[in-house]
Amino acid sequence: MRLRDCHNFSDFRRMAQQRLPGPIFNYIDGAADDEVTYRRNTESFERCDLVPNVLRGVSEIDMSVTVMGQKLAMPVYCSPTALQRLFHHQGERAVAKASAKFGTMFGVSSLGTVSLEEARKISSSPQVYQFYFHRDRGLNRAMMQRAKAVGVEVMMLTVDSITGGNRERDKRTGFAIPFKLNLAGMLQFALKPGWAINYFTHEGFKLPQLDEHVDMGGGTMSISRYFTEMLDPSMTWDDVAEMVRLWGGPFCLKGVMSVEDAKRAVEIGCSGIVLSNHGGRQLDGSRAAFDQLAEIVDAVGDRIDVIIDGGVQRGTHVLKALSLGAKAVGVGRYYLFPLAAAGQPGVERALEQMRVEIERGMKLMGCSSIEQLSRTNLRFR
């Protein structure tokens, strides 16, 4: 496949599968246990129908939004994801440049492969730092101070990953960082020499956010052990409230799924919450974010910015979420597959297609601005 042959999410996914060794493709594509929640994330949008209005005068479309104080030219942003330079040597650099081109927000993960400082130099678009709560409280404070020093606008604490999900696809291939592949996994790498040439002819793989604090190399620490041994399962609301105070700016919790937790996020001073099940990669059998959206917006939407991610593959999915009251929508696999397939041009093509789909959908819905989208435009099966 060539990039110009990619017209939707499935095309990008197929092109990435052709390029990537099986263990890496399955790391992106896989989820926890039986992957029920992974499938539900997209299926949840299919149970909702759009009801368009006509003759509304929609020659000019404004799809800009403001979320957590950040002005975005489109209501979709690139969620922070781990290990991006493993998929393509450009990694977060490609995502930062593409996000800047489209005037939207992007994020760098604690497990990111480009430093916060470098990402900030690449793009002036709003930047999110997604991090995990470590047993070492000093490490948590140091990570926030570093983000503040480089001008990161939004701190995003992931709260649904105090331990790693049961990702059986990775177990079958022995996928880990550093690599500890079994024979089946090594054979799959041998079948994709193009990836190996790309990987080994560019700078070495690193995790800059953790290099000073955690030894992830030399066979001493894998990603699964990082989640199990470094992260703190005793994290409480009091711990997070202290971090919100220390940050002193827009602070977002990613992984909130219940009304009760959404209300607590408001009480401790958060600016936003991301309804998310981590792409189905943590607790299998949990609800889809879209299915939880209405009740959480009804409970706290007038006091905090409610965002969702998970399963978003089309502009119409975005319009449905915004119509229910989401302020913005995060995407992960939607840009990771084109990143893996073609680097920066792939991410740009994916974001351009999303922008075009949203614009087309708004015109067909009879809405010239995001504010005009509402639940009157929806019906559930």
Protein backbone atom coordinates (compact mmCIF):
# COMPACT_ATOMS: atom_id res chain seq x y z
CA MET A 1 0.00 0.00 0.00
CA ARG A 2 0.95 3.62 -0.52
CA LEU A 3 -0.08 6.56 1.61
CA ARG A 4 -2.27 7.99 -1.14
CA ASP A 5 -4.27 4.75 -1.02
CA CYS A 6 -5.24 5.38 2.63
CA HIS A 7 -8.67 6.95 2.99
CA ASN A 8 -9.74 5.84 6.45
CA PHE A 9 -8.63 4.29 9.73
CA SER A 10 -8.77 0.74 8.39
CA ASP A 11 -6.50 1.66 5.47
CA PHE A 12 -3.89 3.18 7.79
CA ARG A 13 -4.10 0.15 10.06
CA ARG A 14 -3.56 -2.20 7.13
CA MET A 15 -0.57 -0.21 5.84
CA ALA A 16 1.00 -0.21 9.31
CA GLN A 17 0.49 -3.95 9.56
CA GLN A 18 2.34 -4.42 6.28
CA ARG A 19 5.31 -2.41 7.56
CA LEU A 20 5.64 -3.35 11.22
CA PRO A 21 6.95 -6.60 12.71
CA GLY A 22 4.10 -8.54 14.28
CA PRO A 23 5.03 -7.90 17.94
CA ILE A 24 5.10 -4.12 17.43
CA PHE A 25 1.90 -4.03 15.38
CA ASN A 26 0.14 -6.09 18.02
CA TYR A 27 1.44 -3.83 20.78
CA ILE A 28 -0.41 -0.93 19.13
CA ASP A 29 -3.42 -2.93 18.00
CA GLY A 30 -3.90 -5.13 21.03
CA ALA A 31 -5.83 -4.67 24.24
CA ALA A 32 -6.53 -6.49 27.50
CA ASP A 33 -7.91 -9.99 28.04
CA ASP A 34 -10.56 -10.81 25.40
CA GLU A 35 -10.45 -7.26 23.98
CA VAL A 36 -14.18 -6.82 24.58
CA THR A 37 -13.86 -3.20 25.69
CA TYR A 38 -11.57 -2.43 22.75
CA ARG A 39 -14.34 -3.50 20.36
CA ARG A 40 -17.05 -1.75 22.36
CA ASN A 41 -15.28 1.58 22.11
CA THR A 42 -16.07 1.94 18.41
CA GLU A 43 -19.31 -0.04 18.49
CA SER A 44 -20.72 2.42 21.03
CA PHE A 45 -20.77 5.16 18.38
CA GLU A 46 -22.68 2.91 15.99
CA ARG A 47 -25.63 2.69 18.38
CA CYS A 48 -26.14 6.43 18.04
CA ASP A 49 -27.70 8.07 14.96
CA LEU A 50 -27.26 11.63 13.74
CA VAL A 51 -30.39 13.66 12.92
CA PRO A 52 -29.43 16.44 10.48
CA ASN A 53 -31.11 19.77 9.88
CA VAL A 54 -31.18 21.41 6.45
CA LEU A 55 -31.37 24.90 4.94
CA ARG A 56 -29.30 26.44 7.74
CA GLY A 57 -26.75 28.43 5.75
CA VAL A 58 -23.47 26.63 6.38
CA SER A 59 -21.12 28.03 3.77
CA GLU A 60 -18.60 28.93 6.50
CA ILE A 61 -17.62 26.38 9.16
CA ASP A 62 -15.92 27.14 12.47
CA MET A 63 -14.79 23.94 14.17
CA SER A 64 -12.55 25.64 16.76
CA VAL A 65 -12.96 24.83 20.44
CA THR A 66 -11.47 25.97 23.73
CA VAL A 67 -10.59 23.20 26.16
CA MET A 68 -8.87 23.67 29.51
CA GLY A 69 -8.10 27.22 28.42
CA GLN A 70 -6.41 26.12 25.18
CA LYS A 71 -7.74 27.29 21.82
CA LEU A 72 -7.74 24.50 19.22
CA ALA A 73 -8.48 24.93 15.53
CA MET A 74 -10.24 21.56 15.49
CA PRO A 75 -11.98 19.57 18.24
CA VAL A 76 -9.63 16.57 17.95
CA TYR A 77 -6.19 16.33 19.57
CA CYS A 78 -3.39 13.74 19.56
CA SER A 79 -3.48 11.94 22.90
CA PRO A 80 -0.15 11.21 24.57
CA THR A 81 1.02 7.67 23.79
CA ALA A 82 4.12 5.69 24.68
CA LEU A 83 7.06 4.39 22.63
CA GLN A 84 6.35 6.30 19.42
CA ARG A 85 9.88 6.10 17.98
CA LEU A 86 9.55 2.34 18.16
CA PHE A 87 6.84 2.58 15.50
CA HIS A 88 8.67 5.09 13.28
CA HIS A 89 11.99 6.84 13.85
CA GLN A 90 10.32 10.30 13.76
CA GLY A 91 8.00 9.44 16.65
CA GLU A 92 6.74 12.38 18.68
CA ARG A 93 8.59 14.79 16.41
CA ALA A 94 6.22 13.89 13.57
CA VAL A 95 3.17 14.22 15.82
CA ALA A 96 4.29 17.58 17.21
CA LYS A 97 4.88 19.00 13.73
CA ALA A 98 1.59 17.67 12.38
CA SER A 99 -0.34 19.00 15.39
CA ALA A 100 1.21 22.43 14.89
CA LYS A 101 0.19 22.39 11.24
CA PHE A 102 -3.42 21.71 12.17
CA GLY A 103 -3.49 24.01 15.18
CA THR A 104 -4.39 21.33 17.68
CA MET A 105 -3.10 19.96 20.96
CA PHE A 106 -0.69 17.05 21.31
CA GLY A 107 0.82 15.21 24.21
CA VAL A 108 4.07 13.69 25.34
CA SER A 109 4.02 10.65 27.61
CA SER A 110 6.18 9.74 30.56
CA LEU A 111 7.07 6.79 28.34
CA GLY A 112 7.64 9.09 25.39
CA THR A 113 10.72 8.71 23.20
CA VAL A 114 11.36 12.43 22.63
CA SER A 115 11.98 14.82 25.50
CA LEU A 116 9.51 17.43 26.66
CA GLU A 117 12.08 20.07 25.84
CA GLU A 118 12.55 18.97 22.24
CA ALA A 119 8.80 18.63 21.64
CA ARG A 120 8.29 22.15 22.97
CA LYS A 121 10.88 23.51 20.52
CA ILE A 122 9.21 21.74 17.59
CA SER A 123 5.69 23.01 18.17
CA SER A 124 4.07 26.01 19.77
CA SER A 125 0.71 24.23 19.83
CA PRO A 126 -0.73 23.49 23.27
CA GLN A 127 1.23 20.64 24.82
CA VAL A 128 0.02 18.06 27.32
CA TYR A 129 2.32 16.06 29.56
CA GLN A 130 0.82 12.70 30.47
CA PHE A 131 2.43 11.07 33.46
CA TYR A 132 1.90 8.29 35.98
CA PHE A 133 1.91 8.48 39.76
CA HIS A 134 5.09 6.87 41.06
CA ARG A 135 5.84 5.40 44.45
CA ASP A 136 8.65 7.96 44.65
CA ARG A 137 6.85 11.23 45.50
CA GLY A 138 10.00 13.19 44.80
CA LEU A 139 10.02 11.80 41.27
CA ASN A 140 6.43 12.97 40.77
CA ARG A 141 7.34 16.49 41.86
CA ALA A 142 10.48 16.52 39.70
CA MET A 143 8.50 15.51 36.62
CA MET A 144 5.97 18.28 37.17
CA GLN A 145 8.70 20.86 37.72
CA ARG A 146 10.40 19.82 34.50
CA ALA A 147 7.14 20.17 32.58
CA LYS A 148 6.51 23.59 34.09
CA ALA A 149 10.01 24.74 33.19
CA VAL A 150 9.59 23.95 29.48
CA GLY A 151 6.19 25.61 29.20
CA VAL A 152 3.84 22.63 29.06
CA GLU A 153 0.30 24.00 29.27
CA VAL A 154 -1.67 21.02 30.59
CA MET A 155 -0.70 18.37 33.11
CA MET A 156 -2.54 15.08 32.50
CA LEU A 157 -2.37 12.41 35.19
CA THR A 158 -3.37 8.91 34.08
CA VAL A 159 -5.38 7.34 36.89
CA ASP A 160 -6.48 4.01 35.40
CA SER A 161 -3.02 2.41 35.18
CA ILE A 162 -1.84 1.74 38.71
CA THR A 163 -1.02 -1.70 37.36
CA GLY A 164 -0.63 -2.95 33.80
CA GLY A 165 -3.48 -4.60 31.91
CA ASN A 166 -3.36 -8.25 30.84
CA ARG A 167 -2.23 -7.83 27.24
CA GLU A 168 -2.09 -11.37 25.98
CA ARG A 169 -0.91 -10.52 22.46
CA ASP A 170 2.33 -9.18 23.99
CA LYS A 171 2.72 -12.33 26.08
CA ARG A 172 2.48 -14.52 23.00
CA THR A 173 5.38 -12.73 21.30
CA GLY A 174 7.41 -11.87 24.41
CA PHE A 175 7.18 -8.17 23.54
CA ALA A 176 8.85 -5.96 26.14
CA ILE A 177 11.14 -2.94 26.35
CA PRO A 178 14.01 -3.77 26.27
CA PHE A 179 13.23 -6.56 23.78
CA LYS A 180 12.88 -10.03 25.28
CA LEU A 181 11.27 -11.71 22.30
CA ASN A 182 10.54 -15.41 22.11
CA LEU A 183 11.33 -17.40 18.97
CA ALA A 184 7.96 -16.62 17.37
CA GLY A 185 8.47 -12.91 18.00
CA MET A 186 12.00 -12.93 16.55
CA LEU A 187 10.79 -14.67 13.41
CA GLN A 188 8.19 -11.96 12.86
CA PHE A 189 10.91 -9.30 13.07
CA ALA A 190 12.94 -11.21 10.49
CA LEU A 191 10.01 -10.99 8.07
CA LYS A 192 10.04 -7.17 8.14
CA PRO A 193 13.66 -6.14 7.43
CA GLY A 194 12.56 -2.65 6.33
CA TRP A 195 11.54 -1.81 9.89
CA ALA A 196 14.86 -3.05 11.24
CA ILE A 197 16.82 -0.94 8.75
CA ASN A 198 14.81 2.12 9.74
CA TYR A 199 15.20 1.42 13.44
CA PHE A 200 18.91 0.65 13.54
CA THR A 201 20.07 3.39 11.16
CA HIS A 202 18.69 6.18 13.36
CA GLU A 203 19.53 7.34 16.86
CA GLY A 204 19.20 4.90 19.70
CA PHE A 205 15.90 4.26 21.40
CA LYS A 206 15.50 6.16 24.68
CA LEU A 207 12.85 7.21 27.19
CA PRO A 208 14.06 10.75 27.99
CA GLN A 209 11.46 11.53 30.63
CA LEU A 210 12.63 8.57 32.72
CA ASP A 211 16.33 8.29 31.88
CA GLU A 212 17.44 10.20 34.96
CA HIS A 213 15.16 8.27 37.29
CA VAL A 214 14.59 4.71 36.04
CA ASP A 215 17.01 2.27 34.42
CA MET A 216 14.93 0.95 31.53
CA GLY A 217 17.92 -0.52 29.69
CA GLY A 218 20.37 -3.34 30.10
CA GLY A 219 17.60 -5.89 30.61
CA THR A 220 16.79 -4.48 34.04
CA MET A 221 13.33 -3.05 33.51
CA SER A 222 10.53 -3.87 31.08
CA ILE A 223 7.41 -1.80 30.49
CA SER A 224 5.27 -4.32 32.35
CA ARG A 225 7.65 -4.24 35.33
CA TYR A 226 7.60 -0.45 35.21
CA PHE A 227 3.85 -0.48 35.74
CA THR A 228 4.02 -3.18 38.40
CA GLU A 229 7.01 -1.98 40.40
CA MET A 230 7.33 1.78 39.86
CA LEU A 231 3.73 2.96 39.97
CA ASP A 232 1.88 3.44 43.23
CA PRO A 233 -1.39 1.51 43.64
CA SER A 234 -2.01 3.32 46.92
CA MET A 235 -2.61 6.65 45.14
CA THR A 236 -5.59 8.50 46.63
CA TRP A 237 -7.62 11.62 45.95
CA ASP A 238 -5.58 13.45 48.60
CA ASP A 239 -2.39 12.67 46.67
CA VAL A 240 -3.88 14.04 43.47
CA ALA A 241 -5.27 17.14 45.20
CA GLU A 242 -1.73 17.96 46.35
CA MET A 243 -0.44 17.62 42.80
CA VAL A 244 -3.18 19.90 41.47
CA ARG A 245 -2.10 22.53 43.98
CA LEU A 246 1.58 22.11 43.16
CA TRP A 247 0.99 22.41 39.41
CA GLY A 248 -1.08 25.58 39.72
CA GLY A 249 -2.42 25.41 36.15
CA PRO A 250 -4.70 23.33 33.94
CA PHE A 251 -4.73 19.83 35.42
CA CYS A 252 -6.56 16.90 33.86
CA LEU A 253 -7.33 13.37 35.04
CA LYS A 254 -7.29 10.73 32.30
CA GLY A 255 -9.20 7.54 33.00
CA VAL A 256 -12.23 8.85 34.92
CA MET A 257 -15.35 6.81 34.12
CA SER A 258 -17.86 7.28 36.95
CA VAL A 259 -20.02 10.23 37.97
CA GLU A 260 -18.71 9.97 41.53
CA ASP A 261 -15.09 10.30 40.37
CA ALA A 262 -15.99 13.15 38.03
CA LYS A 263 -17.47 15.06 40.96
CA ARG A 264 -14.36 14.44 43.05
CA ALA A 265 -12.21 15.79 40.21
CA VAL A 266 -14.24 19.00 40.33
CA GLU A 267 -13.89 19.22 44.11
CA ILE A 268 -10.07 19.03 44.05
CA GLY A 269 -9.78 21.74 41.39
CA CYS A 270 -9.15 19.85 38.16
CA SER A 271 -9.69 21.73 34.90
CA GLY A 272 -10.67 18.71 32.86
CA ILE A 273 -11.31 14.99 32.84
CA VAL A 274 -10.80 12.50 30.04
CA LEU A 275 -13.37 9.72 30.00
CA SER A 276 -11.18 6.84 28.91
CA ASN A 277 -10.65 3.12 29.35
CA HIS A 278 -7.10 3.36 27.97
CA GLY A 279 -8.15 2.09 24.57
CA GLY A 280 -9.41 -1.14 26.15
CA ARG A 281 -5.89 -1.92 27.34
CA GLN A 282 -6.55 -2.01 31.09
CA LEU A 283 -9.83 -3.33 32.54
CA ASP A 284 -11.54 -5.51 29.96
CA GLY A 285 -15.32 -5.52 30.27
CA SER A 286 -15.45 -1.87 31.32
CA ARG A 287 -17.76 0.66 29.73
CA ALA A 288 -17.02 2.64 26.61
CA ALA A 289 -16.34 6.32 27.26
CA PHE A 290 -19.06 7.39 24.82
CA ASP A 291 -21.63 5.34 26.77
CA GLN A 292 -20.70 7.19 29.98
CA LEU A 293 -20.51 10.64 28.43
CA ALA A 294 -24.09 11.92 28.82
CA GLU A 295 -24.48 11.17 32.52
CA ILE A 296 -21.11 12.65 33.39
CA VAL A 297 -21.73 15.80 31.33
CA ASP A 298 -25.10 16.16 33.08
CA ALA A 299 -23.43 15.85 36.47
CA VAL A 300 -20.37 18.09 36.06
CA GLY A 301 -20.25 19.50 32.54
CA ASP A 302 -21.01 23.02 33.70
CA ARG A 303 -18.04 22.98 36.10
CA ILE A 304 -15.27 21.08 34.31
CA ASP A 305 -14.26 20.33 30.72
CA VAL A 306 -15.28 16.79 29.82
CA ILE A 307 -13.21 15.10 27.10
CA ILE A 308 -13.37 11.54 25.78
CA ASP A 309 -11.11 9.15 23.92
CA GLY A 310 -11.33 5.56 22.74
CA GLY A 311 -12.52 4.03 19.49
CA VAL A 312 -12.74 7.28 17.51
CA GLN A 313 -12.24 6.49 13.83
CA ARG A 314 -14.47 8.96 11.98
CA GLY A 315 -15.45 12.62 11.96
CA THR A 316 -19.03 11.54 12.66
CA HIS A 317 -17.84 9.89 15.88
CA VAL A 318 -16.42 13.24 16.93
CA LEU A 319 -19.68 15.03 16.09
CA LYS A 320 -21.66 12.56 18.19
CA ALA A 321 -19.38 13.09 21.19
CA LEU A 322 -19.53 16.87 20.86
CA SER A 323 -23.32 16.73 20.52
CA LEU A 324 -23.50 14.91 23.87
CA GLY A 325 -21.43 17.61 25.53
CA ALA A 326 -17.76 16.64 25.16
CA LYS A 327 -15.46 19.65 24.77
CA ALA A 328 -12.94 17.77 22.63
CA VAL A 329 -12.01 14.25 21.55
CA GLY A 330 -8.64 12.53 21.87
CA VAL A 331 -7.29 10.03 19.35
CA GLY A 332 -4.51 7.48 19.77
CA ARG A 333 -4.44 4.55 17.37
CA TYR A 334 -6.03 6.86 14.80
CA TYR A 335 -2.68 8.67 14.40
CA LEU A 336 -0.33 5.88 15.56
CA PHE A 337 -1.08 3.62 12.62
CA PRO A 338 -0.39 6.34 10.02
CA LEU A 339 2.72 7.35 12.00
CA ALA A 340 3.96 3.78 11.80
CA ALA A 341 3.04 3.55 8.13
CA ALA A 342 4.55 6.81 6.86
CA GLY A 343 5.89 9.10 9.60
CA GLN A 344 4.92 12.77 9.59
CA PRO A 345 3.17 12.65 6.18
CA GLY A 346 1.02 9.82 7.53
CA VAL A 347 -0.03 11.75 10.64
CA GLU A 348 -0.77 14.82 8.54
CA ARG A 349 -2.89 12.83 6.12
CA ALA A 350 -4.86 11.32 9.00
CA LEU A 351 -5.50 14.69 10.65
CA GLU A 352 -6.44 16.26 7.31
CA GLN A 353 -8.94 13.49 6.67
CA MET A 354 -10.41 13.97 10.12
CA ARG A 355 -10.67 17.72 9.57
CA VAL A 356 -12.40 17.23 6.22
CA GLU A 357 -14.80 14.66 7.67
CA ILE A 358 -15.76 16.96 10.55
CA GLU A 359 -16.28 19.91 8.20
CA ARG A 360 -18.36 17.83 5.80
CA GLY A 361 -20.36 16.34 8.66
CA MET A 362 -21.10 19.76 10.17
CA LYS A 363 -22.35 21.04 6.82
CA LEU A 364 -24.60 18.02 6.38
CA MET A 365 -25.82 18.43 9.97
CA GLY A 366 -26.72 22.07 9.33
CA CYS A 367 -24.24 23.38 11.92
CA SER A 368 -21.78 26.17 11.19
CA SER A 369 -20.09 26.04 14.62
CA ILE A 370 -19.47 23.46 17.31
CA GLU A 371 -21.80 25.30 19.71
CA GLN A 372 -24.75 24.46 17.45
CA LEU A 373 -24.30 20.72 17.99
CA SER A 374 -26.66 19.38 20.65
CA ARG A 375 -28.52 16.28 21.78
CA THR A 376 -31.46 17.27 19.61
CA ASN A 377 -29.25 16.05 16.75
CA LEU A 378 -29.01 12.51 18.19
CA ARG A 379 -31.14 9.42 18.58
CA PHE A 380 -30.07 6.18 20.25
CA ARG A 381 -31.09 2.77 19.00
